[in-house]
Amino acid sequence: LRAEPSLEALWRPKLLSRRYDPAVAPLAAKAGATMGM
């Protein structure tokens, strides 16, 4: 994510959250997020 600071600012805090949140919801509404490939 370092390749795009604006995306890093949005996603990094959610990816580093220690709260697992499997809800079907957009990123802003999530307590934590996971990333796939």
All heavy atoms as atom14 arrays in JSON, in Angstrom:
{
  "sequence": "LRAEPSLEALWRPKLLSRRYDPAVAPLAAKAGATMGM",
  "atom14_mask": [
    [1, 1, 1, 1, 1, 1, 1, 1, 0, 0, 0, 0, 0, 0],
    [1, 1, 1, 1, 1, 1, 1, 1, 1, 1, 1, 0, 0, 0],
    [1, 1, 1, 1, 1, 0, 0, 0, 0, 0, 0, 0, 0, 0],
    [1, 1, 1, 1, 1, 1, 1, 1, 1, 0, 0, 0, 0, 0],
    [1, 1, 1, 1, 1, 1, 1, 0, 0, 0, 0, 0, 0, 0],
    [1, 1, 1, 1, 1, 1, 0, 0, 0, 0, 0, 0, 0, 0],
    [1, 1, 1, 1, 1, 1, 1, 1, 0, 0, 0, 0, 0, 0],
    [1, 1, 1, 1, 1, 1, 1, 1, 1, 0, 0, 0, 0, 0],
    [1, 1, 1, 1, 1, 0, 0, 0, 0, 0, 0, 0, 0, 0],
    [1, 1, 1, 1, 1, 1, 1, 1, 0, 0, 0, 0, 0, 0],
    [1, 1, 1, 1, 1, 1, 1, 1, 1, 1, 1, 1, 1, 1],
    [1, 1, 1, 1, 1, 1, 1, 1, 1, 1, 1, 0, 0, 0],
    [1, 1, 1, 1, 1, 1, 1, 0, 0, 0, 0, 0, 0, 0],
    [1, 1, 1, 1, 1, 1, 1, 1, 1, 0, 0, 0, 0, 0],
    [1, 1, 1, 1, 1, 1, 1, 1, 0, 0, 0, 0, 0, 0],
    [1, 1, 1, 1, 1, 1, 1, 1, 0, 0, 0, 0, 0, 0],
    [1, 1, 1, 1, 1, 1, 0, 0, 0, 0, 0, 0, 0, 0],
    [1, 1, 1, 1, 1, 1, 1, 1, 1, 1, 1, 0, 0, 0],
    [1, 1, 1, 1, 1, 1, 1, 1, 1, 1, 1, 0, 0, 0],
    [1, 1, 1, 1, 1, 1, 1, 1, 1, 1, 1, 1, 0, 0],
    [1, 1, 1, 1, 1, 1, 1, 1, 0, 0, 0, 0, 0, 0],
    [1, 1, 1, 1, 1, 1, 1, 0, 0, 0, 0, 0, 0, 0],
    [1, 1, 1, 1, 1, 0, 0, 0, 0, 0, 0, 0, 0, 0],
    [1, 1, 1, 1, 1, 1, 1, 0, 0, 0, 0, 0, 0, 0],
    [1, 1, 1, 1, 1, 0, 0, 0, 0, 0, 0, 0, 0, 0],
    [1, 1, 1, 1, 1, 1, 1, 0, 0, 0, 0, 0, 0, 0],
    [1, 1, 1, 1, 1, 1, 1, 1, 0, 0, 0, 0, 0, 0],
    [1, 1, 1, 1, 1, 0, 0, 0, 0, 0, 0, 0, 0, 0],
    [1, 1, 1, 1, 1, 0, 0, 0, 0, 0, 0, 0, 0, 0],
    [1, 1, 1, 1, 1, 1, 1, 1, 1, 0, 0, 0, 0, 0],
    [1, 1, 1, 1, 1, 0, 0, 0, 0, 0, 0, 0, 0, 0],
    [1, 1, 1, 1, 0, 0, 0, 0, 0, 0, 0, 0, 0, 0],
    [1, 1, 1, 1, 1, 0, 0, 0, 0, 0, 0, 0, 0, 0],
    [1, 1, 1, 1, 1, 1, 1, 0, 0, 0, 0, 0, 0, 0],
    [1, 1, 1, 1, 1, 1, 1, 1, 0, 0, 0, 0, 0, 0],
    [1, 1, 1, 1, 0, 0, 0, 0, 0, 0, 0, 0, 0, 0],
    [1, 1, 1, 1, 1, 1, 1, 1, 0, 0, 0, 0, 0, 0]
  ],
  "atom14_positions": [
    [[0.81, -1.22, 0.0], [0.0, 0.0, 0.0], [0.84, 1.27, 0.0], [0.34, 2.36, -0.31], [-0.93, 0.01, 1.21], [-2.04, -1.05, 1.22], [-2.84, -0.95, 2.51], [-2.96, -0.89, 0.02], [0.0, 0.0, 0.0], [0.0, 0.0, 0.0], [0.0, 0.0, 0.0], [0.0, 0.0, 0.0], [0.0, 0.0, 0.0], [0.0, 0.0, 0.0]],
    [[2.1, 1.15, 0.35], [2.97, 2.33, 0.34], [3.08, 2.96, -1.05], [3.46, 4.13, -1.19], [4.37, 1.96, 0.84], [4.41, 1.5, 2.3], [5.76, 0.9, 2.62], [5.79, 0.32, 3.96], [6.64, -0.61, 4.36], [7.57, -1.07, 3.52], [6.59, -1.09, 5.58], [0.0, 0.0, 0.0], [0.0, 0.0, 0.0], [0.0, 0.0, 0.0]],
    [[2.76, 2.18, -2.08], [2.84, 2.7, -3.45], [1.81, 3.78, -3.73], [1.93, 4.5, -4.72], [2.68, 1.55, -4.45], [0.0, 0.0, 0.0], [0.0, 0.0, 0.0], [0.0, 0.0, 0.0], [0.0, 0.0, 0.0], [0.0, 0.0, 0.0], [0.0, 0.0, 0.0], [0.0, 0.0, 0.0], [0.0, 0.0, 0.0], [0.0, 0.0, 0.0]],
    [[0.78, 3.92, -2.88], [-0.24, 4.95, -3.08], [-0.67, 5.48, -1.72], [-1.52, 4.88, -1.04], [-1.43, 4.36, -3.83], [-2.51, 5.38, -4.15], [-1.93, 6.6, -4.87], [-1.38, 6.44, -5.99], [-2.02, 7.7, -4.28], [0.0, 0.0, 0.0], [0.0, 0.0, 0.0], [0.0, 0.0, 0.0], [0.0, 0.0, 0.0], [0.0, 0.0, 0.0]],
    [[-0.08, 6.6, -1.28], [-0.34, 7.1, 0.08], [-1.82, 7.32, 0.4], [-2.23, 7.1, 1.54], [0.44, 8.41, 0.12], [1.55, 8.21, -0.86], [0.95, 7.39, -1.97], [0.0, 0.0, 0.0], [0.0, 0.0, 0.0], [0.0, 0.0, 0.0], [0.0, 0.0, 0.0], [0.0, 0.0, 0.0], [0.0, 0.0, 0.0], [0.0, 0.0, 0.0]],
    [[-2.61, 7.74, -0.55], [-4.02, 7.99, -0.25], [-4.75, 6.69, 0.09], [-5.59, 6.65, 1.0], [-4.7, 8.69, -1.43], [-4.66, 7.87, -2.6], [0.0, 0.0, 0.0], [0.0, 0.0, 0.0], [0.0, 0.0, 0.0], [0.0, 0.0, 0.0], [0.0, 0.0, 0.0], [0.0, 0.0, 0.0], [0.0, 0.0, 0.0], [0.0, 0.0, 0.0]],
    [[-4.44, 5.63, -0.63], [-5.04, 4.32, -0.32], [-4.48, 3.77, 0.99], [-5.22, 3.18, 1.79], [-4.79, 3.34, -1.45], [-5.54, 3.6, -2.76], [-5.12, 2.6, -3.82], [-7.05, 3.53, -2.55], [0.0, 0.0, 0.0], [0.0, 0.0, 0.0], [0.0, 0.0, 0.0], [0.0, 0.0, 0.0], [0.0, 0.0, 0.0], [0.0, 0.0, 0.0]],
    [[-3.21, 3.98, 1.21], [-2.61, 3.52, 2.46], [-3.28, 4.18, 3.66], [-3.55, 3.52, 4.67], [-1.11, 3.82, 2.46], [-0.4, 3.31, 3.71], [1.08, 3.65, 3.71], [1.46, 4.66, 3.07], [1.86, 2.91, 4.34], [0.0, 0.0, 0.0], [0.0, 0.0, 0.0], [0.0, 0.0, 0.0], [0.0, 0.0, 0.0], [0.0, 0.0, 0.0]],
    [[-3.56, 5.47, 3.54], [-4.2, 6.18, 4.66], [-5.58, 5.62, 4.97], [-6.01, 5.57, 6.14], [-4.29, 7.67, 4.33], [0.0, 0.0, 0.0], [0.0, 0.0, 0.0], [0.0, 0.0, 0.0], [0.0, 0.0, 0.0], [0.0, 0.0, 0.0], [0.0, 0.0, 0.0], [0.0, 0.0, 0.0], [0.0, 0.0, 0.0], [0.0, 0.0, 0.0]],
    [[-6.3, 5.18, 3.96], [-7.63, 4.61, 4.17], [-7.58, 3.19, 4.71], [-8.32, 2.83, 5.63], [-8.4, 4.62, 2.85], [-8.94, 5.95, 2.33], [-9.54, 5.76, 0.95], [-10.0, 6.5, 3.29], [0.0, 0.0, 0.0], [0.0, 0.0, 0.0], [0.0, 0.0, 0.0], [0.0, 0.0, 0.0], [0.0, 0.0, 0.0], [0.0, 0.0, 0.0]],
    [[-6.73, 2.38, 4.14], [-6.78, 0.94, 4.39], [-5.87, 0.46, 5.52], [-6.23, -0.49, 6.23], [-6.42, 0.18, 3.1], [-7.55, 0.15, 2.13], [-7.85, 1.09, 1.2], [-8.56, -0.86, 2.02], [-8.98, 0.74, 0.49], [-9.43, -0.48, 0.97], [-8.8, -2.06, 2.68], [-10.52, -1.25, 0.6], [-9.88, -2.84, 2.3], [-10.74, -2.43, 1.29]],
    [[-4.72, 1.08, 5.69], [-3.77, 0.57, 6.68], [-4.38, 0.49, 8.09], [-4.23, -0.55, 8.76], [-2.5, 1.42, 6.68], [-1.44, 0.95, 7.68], [-0.23, 1.89, 7.7], [0.65, 1.57, 8.79], [1.81, 0.92, 8.68], [2.23, 0.52, 7.48], [2.54, 0.66, 9.74], [0.0, 0.0, 0.0], [0.0, 0.0, 0.0], [0.0, 0.0, 0.0]],
    [[-5.06, 1.53, 8.6], [-5.61, 1.41, 9.96], [-6.6, 0.25, 10.11], [-6.63, -0.39, 11.17], [-6.31, 2.76, 10.17], [-5.65, 3.7, 9.21], [-5.32, 2.87, 8.02], [0.0, 0.0, 0.0], [0.0, 0.0, 0.0], [0.0, 0.0, 0.0], [0.0, 0.0, 0.0], [0.0, 0.0, 0.0], [0.0, 0.0, 0.0], [0.0, 0.0, 0.0]],
    [[-7.35, -0.02, 9.06], [-8.32, -1.12, 9.14], [-7.62, -2.48, 9.08], [-8.02, -3.43, 9.76], [-9.34, -1.01, 8.0], [-10.11, 0.3, 7.97], [-11.1, 0.42, 9.13], [-11.96, 1.67, 8.96], [-13.0, 1.8, 10.0], [0.0, 0.0, 0.0], [0.0, 0.0, 0.0], [0.0, 0.0, 0.0], [0.0, 0.0, 0.0], [0.0, 0.0, 0.0]],
    [[-6.59, -2.57, 8.26], [-5.86, -3.84, 8.15], [-5.08, -4.15, 9.43], [-4.86, -5.32, 9.76], [-4.9, -3.81, 6.96], [-5.54, -3.63, 5.57], [-4.47, -3.65, 4.49], [-6.6, -4.69, 5.29], [0.0, 0.0, 0.0], [0.0, 0.0, 0.0], [0.0, 0.0, 0.0], [0.0, 0.0, 0.0], [0.0, 0.0, 0.0], [0.0, 0.0, 0.0]],
    [[-4.65, -3.12, 10.14], [-3.89, -3.32, 11.37], [-4.77, -3.36, 12.61], [-4.27, -3.53, 13.72], [-2.84, -2.22, 11.52], [-1.77, -2.14, 10.42], [-0.68, -1.17, 10.81], [-1.19, -3.51, 10.12], [0.0, 0.0, 0.0], [0.0, 0.0, 0.0], [0.0, 0.0, 0.0], [0.0, 0.0, 0.0], [0.0, 0.0, 0.0], [0.0, 0.0, 0.0]],
    [[-6.06, -3.22, 12.42], [-6.96, -3.33, 13.55], [-6.91, -4.75, 14.11], [-6.79, -5.72, 13.37], [-8.39, -3.01, 13.12], [-9.32, -3.35, 14.14], [0.0, 0.0, 0.0], [0.0, 0.0, 0.0], [0.0, 0.0, 0.0], [0.0, 0.0, 0.0], [0.0, 0.0, 0.0], [0.0, 0.0, 0.0], [0.0, 0.0, 0.0], [0.0, 0.0, 0.0]],
    [[-7.01, -4.86, 15.42], [-7.05, -6.18, 16.04], [-8.49, -6.64, 16.29], [-8.73, -7.52, 17.12], [-6.24, -6.18, 17.33], [-4.74, -6.02, 17.09], [-3.95, -6.48, 18.27], [-2.52, -6.37, 18.05], [-1.62, -7.04, 18.76], [-2.02, -7.86, 19.73], [-0.34, -6.9, 18.52], [0.0, 0.0, 0.0], [0.0, 0.0, 0.0], [0.0, 0.0, 0.0]],
    [[-9.4, -6.06, 15.56], [-10.8, -6.47, 15.65], [-11.22, -7.13, 14.35], [-11.07, -6.55, 13.26], [-11.69, -5.26, 15.95], [-11.47, -4.66, 17.34], [-12.37, -3.46, 17.55], [-13.79, -3.83, 17.51], [-14.8, -2.95, 17.52], [-14.51, -1.65, 17.58], [-16.05, -3.36, 17.48], [0.0, 0.0, 0.0], [0.0, 0.0, 0.0], [0.0, 0.0, 0.0]],
    [[-11.69, -8.34, 14.45], [-12.17, -9.08, 13.29], [-13.62, -8.69, 13.03], [-14.47, -8.78, 13.91], [-12.05, -10.57, 13.55], [-12.68, -11.44, 12.48], [-12.29, -11.34, 11.15], [-13.67, -12.36, 12.81], [-12.86, -12.15, 10.18], [-14.25, -13.17, 11.85], [-13.84, -13.06, 10.53], [-14.41, -13.86, 9.56], [0.0, 0.0, 0.0], [0.0, 0.0, 0.0]],
    [[-13.9, -8.25, 11.82], [-15.23, -7.78, 11.48], [-15.63, -8.39, 10.13], [-15.28, -7.87, 9.07], [-15.25, -6.26, 11.4], [-16.64, -5.7, 11.17], [-17.56, -6.48, 10.89], [-16.8, -4.47, 11.26], [0.0, 0.0, 0.0], [0.0, 0.0, 0.0], [0.0, 0.0, 0.0], [0.0, 0.0, 0.0], [0.0, 0.0, 0.0], [0.0, 0.0, 0.0]],
    [[-16.39, -9.49, 10.15], [-16.79, -10.14, 8.89], [-18.04, -9.56, 8.25], [-18.54, -10.11, 7.27], [-17.03, -11.58, 9.33], [-17.54, -11.46, 10.72], [-16.83, -10.27, 11.32], [0.0, 0.0, 0.0], [0.0, 0.0, 0.0], [0.0, 0.0, 0.0], [0.0, 0.0, 0.0], [0.0, 0.0, 0.0], [0.0, 0.0, 0.0], [0.0, 0.0, 0.0]],
    [[-18.53, -8.44, 8.74], [-19.78, -7.88, 8.24], [-19.67, -7.51, 6.76], [-18.61, -7.1, 6.27], [-20.16, -6.64, 9.05], [0.0, 0.0, 0.0], [0.0, 0.0, 0.0], [0.0, 0.0, 0.0], [0.0, 0.0, 0.0], [0.0, 0.0, 0.0], [0.0, 0.0, 0.0], [0.0, 0.0, 0.0], [0.0, 0.0, 0.0], [0.0, 0.0, 0.0]],
    [[-20.78, -7.65, 6.07], [-20.89, -7.18, 4.68], [-21.18, -5.69, 4.74], [-22.33, -5.26, 4.87], [-21.98, -7.95, 3.93], [-22.16, -7.38, 2.52], [-21.63, -9.44, 3.87], [0.0, 0.0, 0.0], [0.0, 0.0, 0.0], [0.0, 0.0, 0.0], [0.0, 0.0, 0.0], [0.0, 0.0, 0.0], [0.0, 0.0, 0.0], [0.0, 0.0, 0.0]],
    [[-20.1, -4.91, 4.65], [-20.24, -3.46, 4.82], [-19.03, -2.77, 4.19], [-17.95, -3.35, 4.12], [-20.33, -3.1, 6.3], [0.0, 0.0, 0.0], [0.0, 0.0, 0.0], [0.0, 0.0, 0.0], [0.0, 0.0, 0.0], [0.0, 0.0, 0.0], [0.0, 0.0, 0.0], [0.0, 0.0, 0.0], [0.0, 0.0, 0.0], [0.0, 0.0, 0.0]],
    [[-19.19, -1.53, 3.74], [-18.05, -0.8, 3.16], [-16.99, -0.51, 4.21], [-17.25, -0.57, 5.42], [-18.69, 0.48, 2.64], [-19.94, 0.64, 3.42], [-20.43, -0.74, 3.71], [0.0, 0.0, 0.0], [0.0, 0.0, 0.0], [0.0, 0.0, 0.0], [0.0, 0.0, 0.0], [0.0, 0.0, 0.0], [0.0, 0.0, 0.0], [0.0, 0.0, 0.0]],
    [[-15.8, -0.19, 3.75], [-14.64, -0.04, 4.62], [-14.9, 0.93, 5.76], [-14.52, 0.66, 6.91], [-13.44, 0.43, 3.79], [-12.11, 0.54, 4.55], [-11.61, -0.83, 4.97], [-11.07, 1.26, 3.69], [0.0, 0.0, 0.0], [0.0, 0.0, 0.0], [0.0, 0.0, 0.0], [0.0, 0.0, 0.0], [0.0, 0.0, 0.0], [0.0, 0.0, 0.0]],
    [[-15.53, 2.05, 5.5], [-15.73, 3.08, 6.52], [-16.56, 2.57, 7.68], [-16.44, 3.08, 8.8], [-16.38, 4.31, 5.91], [0.0, 0.0, 0.0], [0.0, 0.0, 0.0], [0.0, 0.0, 0.0], [0.0, 0.0, 0.0], [0.0, 0.0, 0.0], [0.0, 0.0, 0.0], [0.0, 0.0, 0.0], [0.0, 0.0, 0.0], [0.0, 0.0, 0.0]],
    [[-17.38, 1.56, 7.45], [-18.26, 1.04, 8.49], [-17.66, -0.16, 9.22], [-18.31, -0.7, 10.13], [-19.6, 0.64, 7.89], [0.0, 0.0, 0.0], [0.0, 0.0, 0.0], [0.0, 0.0, 0.0], [0.0, 0.0, 0.0], [0.0, 0.0, 0.0], [0.0, 0.0, 0.0], [0.0, 0.0, 0.0], [0.0, 0.0, 0.0], [0.0, 0.0, 0.0]],
    [[-16.45, -0.54, 8.88], [-15.86, -1.74, 9.44], [-14.93, -1.4, 10.61], [-14.19, -0.42, 10.57], [-15.04, -2.49, 8.38], [-15.8, -2.95, 7.17], [-16.78, -4.07, 7.49], [-16.11, -5.38, 7.81], [-15.75, -6.18, 6.63], [0.0, 0.0, 0.0], [0.0, 0.0, 0.0], [0.0, 0.0, 0.0], [0.0, 0.0, 0.0], [0.0, 0.0, 0.0]],
    [[-14.95, -2.28, 11.64], [-14.01, -2.13, 12.76], [-12.63, -2.62, 12.4], [-11.63, -2.24, 13.02], [-14.53, -2.9, 13.98], [0.0, 0.0, 0.0], [0.0, 0.0, 0.0], [0.0, 0.0, 0.0], [0.0, 0.0, 0.0], [0.0, 0.0, 0.0], [0.0, 0.0, 0.0], [0.0, 0.0, 0.0], [0.0, 0.0, 0.0], [0.0, 0.0, 0.0]],
    [[-12.55, -3.49, 11.43], [-11.29, -4.02, 10.94], [-11.54, -4.63, 9.58], [-12.68, -4.92, 9.21], [0.0, 0.0, 0.0], [0.0, 0.0, 0.0], [0.0, 0.0, 0.0], [0.0, 0.0, 0.0], [0.0, 0.0, 0.0], [0.0, 0.0, 0.0], [0.0, 0.0, 0.0], [0.0, 0.0, 0.0], [0.0, 0.0, 0.0], [0.0, 0.0, 0.0]],
    [[-10.48, -4.8, 8.8], [-10.62, -5.29, 7.43], [-9.55, -6.33, 7.12], [-8.5, -6.37, 7.76], [-10.54, -4.14, 6.44], [0.0, 0.0, 0.0], [0.0, 0.0, 0.0], [0.0, 0.0, 0.0], [0.0, 0.0, 0.0], [0.0, 0.0, 0.0], [0.0, 0.0, 0.0], [0.0, 0.0, 0.0], [0.0, 0.0, 0.0], [0.0, 0.0, 0.0]],
    [[-9.85, -7.15, 6.12], [-8.88, -8.12, 5.6], [-8.67, -7.85, 4.12], [-9.52, -7.27, 3.44], [-9.37, -9.56, 5.81], [-10.64, -9.72, 5.17], [-9.49, -9.9, 7.29], [0.0, 0.0, 0.0], [0.0, 0.0, 0.0], [0.0, 0.0, 0.0], [0.0, 0.0, 0.0], [0.0, 0.0, 0.0], [0.0, 0.0, 0.0], [0.0, 0.0, 0.0]],
    [[-7.52, -8.31, 3.62], [-7.18, -8.09, 2.23], [-6.82, -9.41, 1.57], [-6.09, -10.23, 2.14], [-5.98, -7.14, 2.12], [-5.62, -6.75, 0.69], [-6.81, -5.59, -0.05], [-6.34, -4.06, 0.79], [0.0, 0.0, 0.0], [0.0, 0.0, 0.0], [0.0, 0.0, 0.0], [0.0, 0.0, 0.0], [0.0, 0.0, 0.0], [0.0, 0.0, 0.0]],
    [[-7.38, -9.64, 0.37], [-7.06, -10.83, -0.4], [-6.26, -10.48, -1.64], [-5.8, -9.34, -1.82], [0.0, 0.0, 0.0], [0.0, 0.0, 0.0], [0.0, 0.0, 0.0], [0.0, 0.0, 0.0], [0.0, 0.0, 0.0], [0.0, 0.0, 0.0], [0.0, 0.0, 0.0], [0.0, 0.0, 0.0], [0.0, 0.0, 0.0], [0.0, 0.0, 0.0]],
    [[-6.13, -11.47, -2.5], [-5.36, -11.29, -3.73], [-6.04, -12.07, -4.85], [-6.55, -13.16, -4.63], [-3.93, -11.81, -3.54], [-3.04, -11.66, -4.77], [-1.46, -12.56, -4.6], [-0.65, -11.61, -3.33], [0.0, 0.0, 0.0], [0.0, 0.0, 0.0], [0.0, 0.0, 0.0], [0.0, 0.0, 0.0], [0.0, 0.0, 0.0], [0.0, 0.0, 0.0]]
  ]
}
